[in-house]
């Protein structure tokens, strides 16, 4: 699984960071970024929940 955050859609709500801090963090512009693009197997479910929970669909998964 891969994830990508589109900063033009991110509204800095922090839901993804709260759900999956191993994968998401705050960037320099106070918007969420993915620390890694390839999500390790142990946190795939949490990353998927972060994608589904994003209110603006700013996170895409492959």
PDB file of N, CA and C in Angstrom:
ATOM      1  N   UNK A   1       0.844  -1.179   0.000  1.00  0.00           N
ATOM      2  CA  UNK A   1       0.000   0.000   0.000  1.00  0.00           C
ATOM      3  C   UNK A   1       0.883   1.234   0.000  1.00  0.00           C
ATOM      4  N   UNK A   2       0.488   2.216  -0.793  1.00  0.00           N
ATOM      5  CA  UNK A   2       1.184   3.501  -0.834  1.00  0.00           C
ATOM      6  C   UNK A   2       0.189   4.602  -0.525  1.00  0.00           C
ATOM      7  N   UNK A   3       0.660   5.672   0.095  1.00  0.00           N
ATOM      8  CA  UNK A   3      -0.201   6.828   0.369  1.00  0.00           C
ATOM      9  C   UNK A   3       0.497   8.109  -0.076  1.00  0.00           C
ATOM     10  N   UNK A   4      -0.325   9.082  -0.420  1.00  0.00           N
ATOM     11  CA  UNK A   4       0.193  10.398  -0.804  1.00  0.00           C
ATOM     12  C   UNK A   4      -0.795  11.449  -0.311  1.00  0.00           C
ATOM     13  N   UNK A   5      -0.277  12.536   0.267  1.00  0.00           N
ATOM     14  CA  UNK A   5      -1.116  13.635   0.732  1.00  0.00           C
ATOM     15  C   UNK A   5      -0.993  14.785  -0.268  1.00  0.00           C
ATOM     16  N   UNK A   6      -2.124  15.280  -0.715  1.00  0.00           N
ATOM     17  CA  UNK A   6      -2.154  16.418  -1.629  1.00  0.00           C
ATOM     18  C   UNK A   6      -2.392  17.678  -0.803  1.00  0.00           C
ATOM     19  N   UNK A   7      -1.331  18.468  -0.643  1.00  0.00           N
ATOM     20  CA  UNK A   7      -1.402  19.613   0.271  1.00  0.00           C
ATOM     21  C   UNK A   7      -2.380  20.689  -0.180  1.00  0.00           C
ATOM     22  N   UNK A   8      -2.715  20.728  -1.469  1.00  0.00           N
ATOM     23  CA  UNK A   8      -3.688  21.717  -1.919  1.00  0.00           C
ATOM     24  C   UNK A   8      -5.104  21.386  -1.442  1.00  0.00           C
ATOM     25  N   UNK A   9      -5.334  20.144  -1.020  1.00  0.00           N
ATOM     26  CA  UNK A   9      -6.632  19.724  -0.488  1.00  0.00           C
ATOM     27  C   UNK A   9      -6.659  19.648   1.033  1.00  0.00           C
ATOM     28  N   UNK A  10      -5.491  19.548   1.660  1.00  0.00           N
ATOM     29  CA  UNK A  10      -5.392  19.391   3.111  1.00  0.00           C
ATOM     30  C   UNK A  10      -5.847  20.671   3.823  1.00  0.00           C
ATOM     31  N   UNK A  11      -6.693  20.494   4.854  1.00  0.00           N
ATOM     32  CA  UNK A  11      -7.158  21.646   5.642  1.00  0.00           C
ATOM     33  C   UNK A  11      -6.574  21.637   7.056  1.00  0.00           C
ATOM     34  N   UNK A  12      -5.563  20.810   7.276  1.00  0.00           N
ATOM     35  CA  UNK A  12      -4.846  20.755   8.555  1.00  0.00           C
ATOM     36  C   UNK A  12      -5.721  20.336   9.730  1.00  0.00           C
ATOM     37  N   UNK A  13      -6.642  19.413   9.493  1.00  0.00           N
ATOM     38  CA  UNK A  13      -7.500  18.975  10.594  1.00  0.00           C
ATOM     39  C   UNK A  13      -6.759  18.042  11.555  1.00  0.00           C
ATOM     40  N   UNK A  14      -5.752  17.323  11.046  1.00  0.00           N
ATOM     41  CA  UNK A  14      -4.945  16.458  11.895  1.00  0.00           C
ATOM     42  C   UNK A  14      -5.499  15.075  12.133  1.00  0.00           C
ATOM     43  N   UNK A  15      -6.608  14.727  11.506  1.00  0.00           N
ATOM     44  CA  UNK A  15      -7.213  13.405  11.698  1.00  0.00           C
ATOM     45  C   UNK A  15      -6.240  12.287  11.326  1.00  0.00           C
ATOM     46  N   UNK A  16      -5.557  12.421  10.213  1.00  0.00           N
ATOM     47  CA  UNK A  16      -4.626  11.370   9.770  1.00  0.00           C
ATOM     48  C   UNK A  16      -3.458  11.218  10.740  1.00  0.00           C
ATOM     49  N   UNK A  17      -2.987  12.330  11.264  1.00  0.00           N
ATOM     50  CA  UNK A  17      -1.866  12.294  12.201  1.00  0.00           C
ATOM     51  C   UNK A  17      -2.300  11.649  13.519  1.00  0.00           C
ATOM     52  N   UNK A  18      -3.507  11.943  13.950  1.00  0.00           N
ATOM     53  CA  UNK A  18      -4.030  11.331  15.171  1.00  0.00           C
ATOM     54  C   UNK A  18      -4.207   9.829  15.010  1.00  0.00           C
ATOM     55  N   UNK A  19      -4.717   9.409  13.860  1.00  0.00           N
ATOM     56  CA  UNK A  19      -4.968   7.989  13.625  1.00  0.00           C
ATOM     57  C   UNK A  19      -3.707   7.185  13.361  1.00  0.00           C
ATOM     58  N   UNK A  20      -2.760   7.785  12.652  1.00  0.00           N
ATOM     59  CA  UNK A  20      -1.607   7.015  12.191  1.00  0.00           C
ATOM     60  C   UNK A  20      -0.324   7.869  12.225  1.00  0.00           C
ATOM     61  N   UNK A  21       0.164   8.182  13.412  1.00  0.00           N
ATOM     62  CA  UNK A  21       1.354   9.038  13.518  1.00  0.00           C
ATOM     63  C   UNK A  21       2.633   8.391  12.990  1.00  0.00           C
ATOM     64  N   UNK A  22       2.619   7.080  12.791  1.00  0.00           N
ATOM     65  CA  UNK A  22       3.788   6.418  12.203  1.00  0.00           C
ATOM     66  C   UNK A  22       3.947   6.759  10.730  1.00  0.00           C
ATOM     67  N   UNK A  23       2.869   7.171  10.095  1.00  0.00           N
ATOM     68  CA  UNK A  23       2.887   7.437   8.661  1.00  0.00           C
ATOM     69  C   UNK A  23       2.748   8.927   8.347  1.00  0.00           C
ATOM     70  N   UNK A  24       1.927   9.644   9.103  1.00  0.00           N
ATOM     71  CA  UNK A  24       1.647  11.057   8.805  1.00  0.00           C
ATOM     72  C   UNK A  24       2.210  11.973   9.878  1.00  0.00           C
ATOM     73  N   UNK A  25       2.616  13.156   9.460  1.00  0.00           N
ATOM     74  CA  UNK A  25       3.119  14.178  10.380  1.00  0.00           C
ATOM     75  C   UNK A  25       2.837  15.547   9.779  1.00  0.00           C
ATOM     76  N   UNK A  26       3.097  16.589  10.573  1.00  0.00           N
ATOM     77  CA  UNK A  26       2.916  17.954  10.078  1.00  0.00           C
ATOM     78  C   UNK A  26       4.106  18.354   9.225  1.00  0.00           C
ATOM     79  N   UNK A  27       3.827  18.997   8.104  1.00  0.00           N
ATOM     80  CA  UNK A  27       4.870  19.522   7.241  1.00  0.00           C
ATOM     81  C   UNK A  27       5.208  20.953   7.629  1.00  0.00           C
ATOM     82  N   UNK A  28       6.148  21.549   6.926  1.00  0.00           N
ATOM     83  CA  UNK A  28       6.586  22.915   7.217  1.00  0.00           C
ATOM     84  C   UNK A  28       5.473  23.938   7.043  1.00  0.00           C
ATOM     85  N   UNK A  29       4.495  23.643   6.207  1.00  0.00           N
ATOM     86  CA  UNK A  29       3.398  24.576   5.953  1.00  0.00           C
ATOM     87  C   UNK A  29       2.170  24.279   6.818  1.00  0.00           C
ATOM     88  N   UNK A  30       2.374  23.499   7.896  1.00  0.00           N
ATOM     89  CA  UNK A  30       1.300  23.109   8.819  1.00  0.00           C
ATOM     90  C   UNK A  30       0.192  22.316   8.147  1.00  0.00           C
ATOM     91  N   UNK A  31       0.554  21.576   7.122  1.00  0.00           N
ATOM     92  CA  UNK A  31      -0.361  20.646   6.488  1.00  0.00           C
ATOM     93  C   UNK A  31       0.239  19.256   6.634  1.00  0.00           C
ATOM     94  N   UNK A  32      -0.609  18.259   6.597  1.00  0.00           N
ATOM     95  CA  UNK A  32      -0.144  16.889   6.775  1.00  0.00           C
ATOM     96  C   UNK A  32       0.717  16.444   5.597  1.00  0.00           C
ATOM     97  N   UNK A  33       1.700  15.618   5.908  1.00  0.00           N
ATOM     98  CA  UNK A  33       2.520  14.983   4.885  1.00  0.00           C
ATOM     99  C   UNK A  33       2.683  13.508   5.273  1.00  0.00           C
ATOM    100  N   UNK A  34       2.989  12.702   4.286  1.00  0.00           N
ATOM    101  CA  UNK A  34       3.294  11.297   4.555  1.00  0.00           C
ATOM    102  C   UNK A  34       4.788  11.185   4.812  1.00  0.00           C
ATOM    103  N   UNK A  35       5.158  10.607   5.958  1.00  0.00           N
ATOM    104  CA  UNK A  35       6.576  10.396   6.280  1.00  0.00           C
ATOM    105  C   UNK A  35       7.186   9.387   5.324  1.00  0.00           C
ATOM    106  N   UNK A  36       6.404   8.411   4.947  1.00  0.00           N
ATOM    107  CA  UNK A  36       6.821   7.376   3.999  1.00  0.00           C
ATOM    108  C   UNK A  36       5.689   7.164   3.006  1.00  0.00           C
ATOM    109  N   UNK A  37       6.032   6.814   1.803  1.00  0.00           N
ATOM    110  CA  UNK A  37       4.996   6.528   0.817  1.00  0.00           C
ATOM    111  C   UNK A  37       4.552   5.075   0.873  1.00  0.00           C
ATOM    112  N   UNK A  38       5.487   4.174   1.169  1.00  0.00           N
ATOM    113  CA  UNK A  38       5.160   2.758   1.280  1.00  0.00           C
ATOM    114  C   UNK A  38       4.805   2.441   2.727  1.00  0.00           C
ATOM    115  N   UNK A  39       3.563   2.088   2.965  1.00  0.00           N
ATOM    116  CA  UNK A  39       3.073   1.826   4.311  1.00  0.00           C
ATOM    117  C   UNK A  39       3.450   0.399   4.721  1.00  0.00           C
ATOM    118  N   UNK A  40       4.123   0.232   5.868  1.00  0.00           N
ATOM    119  CA  UNK A  40       4.445  -1.111   6.348  1.00  0.00           C
ATOM    120  C   UNK A  40       3.179  -1.908   6.655  1.00  0.00           C
ATOM    121  N   UNK A  41       3.242  -3.219   6.505  1.00  0.00           N
ATOM    122  CA  UNK A  41       2.072  -4.078   6.695  1.00  0.00           C
ATOM    123  C   UNK A  41       1.411  -3.908   8.060  1.00  0.00           C
ATOM    124  N   UNK A  42       2.166  -3.667   9.083  1.00  0.00           N
ATOM    125  CA  UNK A  42       1.594  -3.578  10.422  1.00  0.00           C
ATOM    126  C   UNK A  42       0.687  -2.397  10.663  1.00  0.00           C
ATOM    127  N   UNK A  43       0.752  -1.383   9.818  1.00  0.00           N
ATOM    128  CA  UNK A  43      -0.078  -0.190  10.010  1.00  0.00           C
ATOM    129  C   UNK A  43      -0.976   0.118   8.812  1.00  0.00           C
ATOM    130  N   UNK A  44      -1.119  -0.837   7.903  1.00  0.00           N
ATOM    131  CA  UNK A  44      -1.957  -0.602   6.722  1.00  0.00           C
ATOM    132  C   UNK A  44      -3.402  -0.267   7.083  1.00  0.00           C
ATOM    133  N   UNK A  45      -3.967  -0.965   8.052  1.00  0.00           N
ATOM    134  CA  UNK A  45      -5.365  -0.711   8.425  1.00  0.00           C
ATOM    135  C   UNK A  45      -5.535   0.707   8.972  1.00  0.00           C
ATOM    136  N   UNK A  46      -4.611   1.150   9.817  1.00  0.00           N
ATOM    137  CA  UNK A  46      -4.693   2.513  10.351  1.00  0.00           C
ATOM    138  C   UNK A  46      -4.525   3.549   9.255  1.00  0.00           C
ATOM    139  N   UNK A  47      -3.617   3.291   8.329  1.00  0.00           N
ATOM    140  CA  UNK A  47      -3.421   4.216   7.214  1.00  0.00           C
ATOM    141  C   UNK A  47      -4.677   4.286   6.355  1.00  0.00           C
ATOM    142  N   UNK A  48      -5.312   3.153   6.127  1.00  0.00           N
ATOM    143  CA  UNK A  48      -6.554   3.117   5.356  1.00  0.00           C
ATOM    144  C   UNK A  48      -7.646   3.913   6.077  1.00  0.00           C
ATOM    145  N   UNK A  49      -7.731   3.773   7.393  1.00  0.00           N
ATOM    146  CA  UNK A  49      -8.705   4.546   8.171  1.00  0.00           C
ATOM    147  C   UNK A  49      -8.432   6.038   8.062  1.00  0.00           C
ATOM    148  N   UNK A  50      -7.165   6.423   8.025  1.00  0.00           N
ATOM    149  CA  UNK A  50      -6.813   7.830   7.860  1.00  0.00           C
ATOM    150  C   UNK A  50      -7.263   8.341   6.489  1.00  0.00           C
ATOM    151  N   UNK A  51      -7.061   7.527   5.468  1.00  0.00           N
ATOM    152  CA  UNK A  51      -7.505   7.901   4.120  1.00  0.00           C
ATOM    153  C   UNK A  51      -9.019   8.088   4.109  1.00  0.00           C
ATOM    154  N   UNK A  52      -9.735   7.114   4.655  1.00  0.00           N
ATOM    155  CA  UNK A  52     -11.196   7.171   4.677  1.00  0.00           C
ATOM    156  C   UNK A  52     -11.722   8.314   5.552  1.00  0.00           C
ATOM    157  N   UNK A  53     -10.987   8.666   6.606  1.00  0.00           N
ATOM    158  CA  UNK A  53     -11.434   9.695   7.533  1.00  0.00           C
ATOM    159  C   UNK A  53     -11.093  11.113   7.134  1.00  0.00           C
ATOM    160  N   UNK A  54     -10.304  11.276   6.096  1.00  0.00           N
ATOM    161  CA  UNK A  54      -9.915  12.627   5.674  1.00  0.00           C
ATOM    162  C   UNK A  54     -11.142  13.367   5.133  1.00  0.00           C
ATOM    163  N   UNK A  55     -11.512  14.508   5.741  1.00  0.00           N
ATOM    164  CA  UNK A  55     -12.740  15.201   5.338  1.00  0.00           C
ATOM    165  C   UNK A  55     -12.686  15.826   3.942  1.00  0.00           C
ATOM    166  N   UNK A  56     -11.493  16.006   3.409  1.00  0.00           N
ATOM    167  CA  UNK A  56     -11.384  16.622   2.086  1.00  0.00           C
ATOM    168  C   UNK A  56     -10.820  15.675   1.037  1.00  0.00           C
ATOM    169  N   UNK A  57     -10.658  14.408   1.387  1.00  0.00           N
ATOM    170  CA  UNK A  57     -10.084  13.398   0.469  1.00  0.00           C
ATOM    171  C   UNK A  57      -8.713  13.819  -0.053  1.00  0.00           C
ATOM    172  N   UNK A  58      -7.916  14.377   0.855  1.00  0.00           N
ATOM    173  CA  UNK A  58      -6.568  14.856   0.483  1.00  0.00           C
ATOM    174  C   UNK A  58      -5.531  13.744   0.456  1.00  0.00           C
ATOM    175  N   UNK A  59      -5.892  12.561   0.945  1.00  0.00           N
ATOM    176  CA  UNK A  59      -4.952  11.444   0.979  1.00  0.00           C
ATOM    177  C   UNK A  59      -5.433  10.384  -0.014  1.00  0.00           C
ATOM    178  N   UNK A  60      -4.542   9.976  -0.862  1.00  0.00           N
ATOM    179  CA  UNK A  60      -4.850   8.926  -1.842  1.00  0.00           C
ATOM    180  C   UNK A  60      -4.028   7.693  -1.506  1.00  0.00           C
ATOM    181  N   UNK A  61      -4.619   6.541  -1.730  1.00  0.00           N
ATOM    182  CA  UNK A  61      -3.906   5.282  -1.506  1.00  0.00           C
ATOM    183  C   UNK A  61      -3.905   4.451  -2.784  1.00  0.00           C
ATOM    184  N   UNK A  62      -2.851   3.671  -2.921  1.00  0.00           N
ATOM    185  CA  UNK A  62      -2.742   2.749  -4.057  1.00  0.00           C
ATOM    186  C   UNK A  62      -2.602   1.341  -3.519  1.00  0.00           C
TER     187      UNK A  62
END
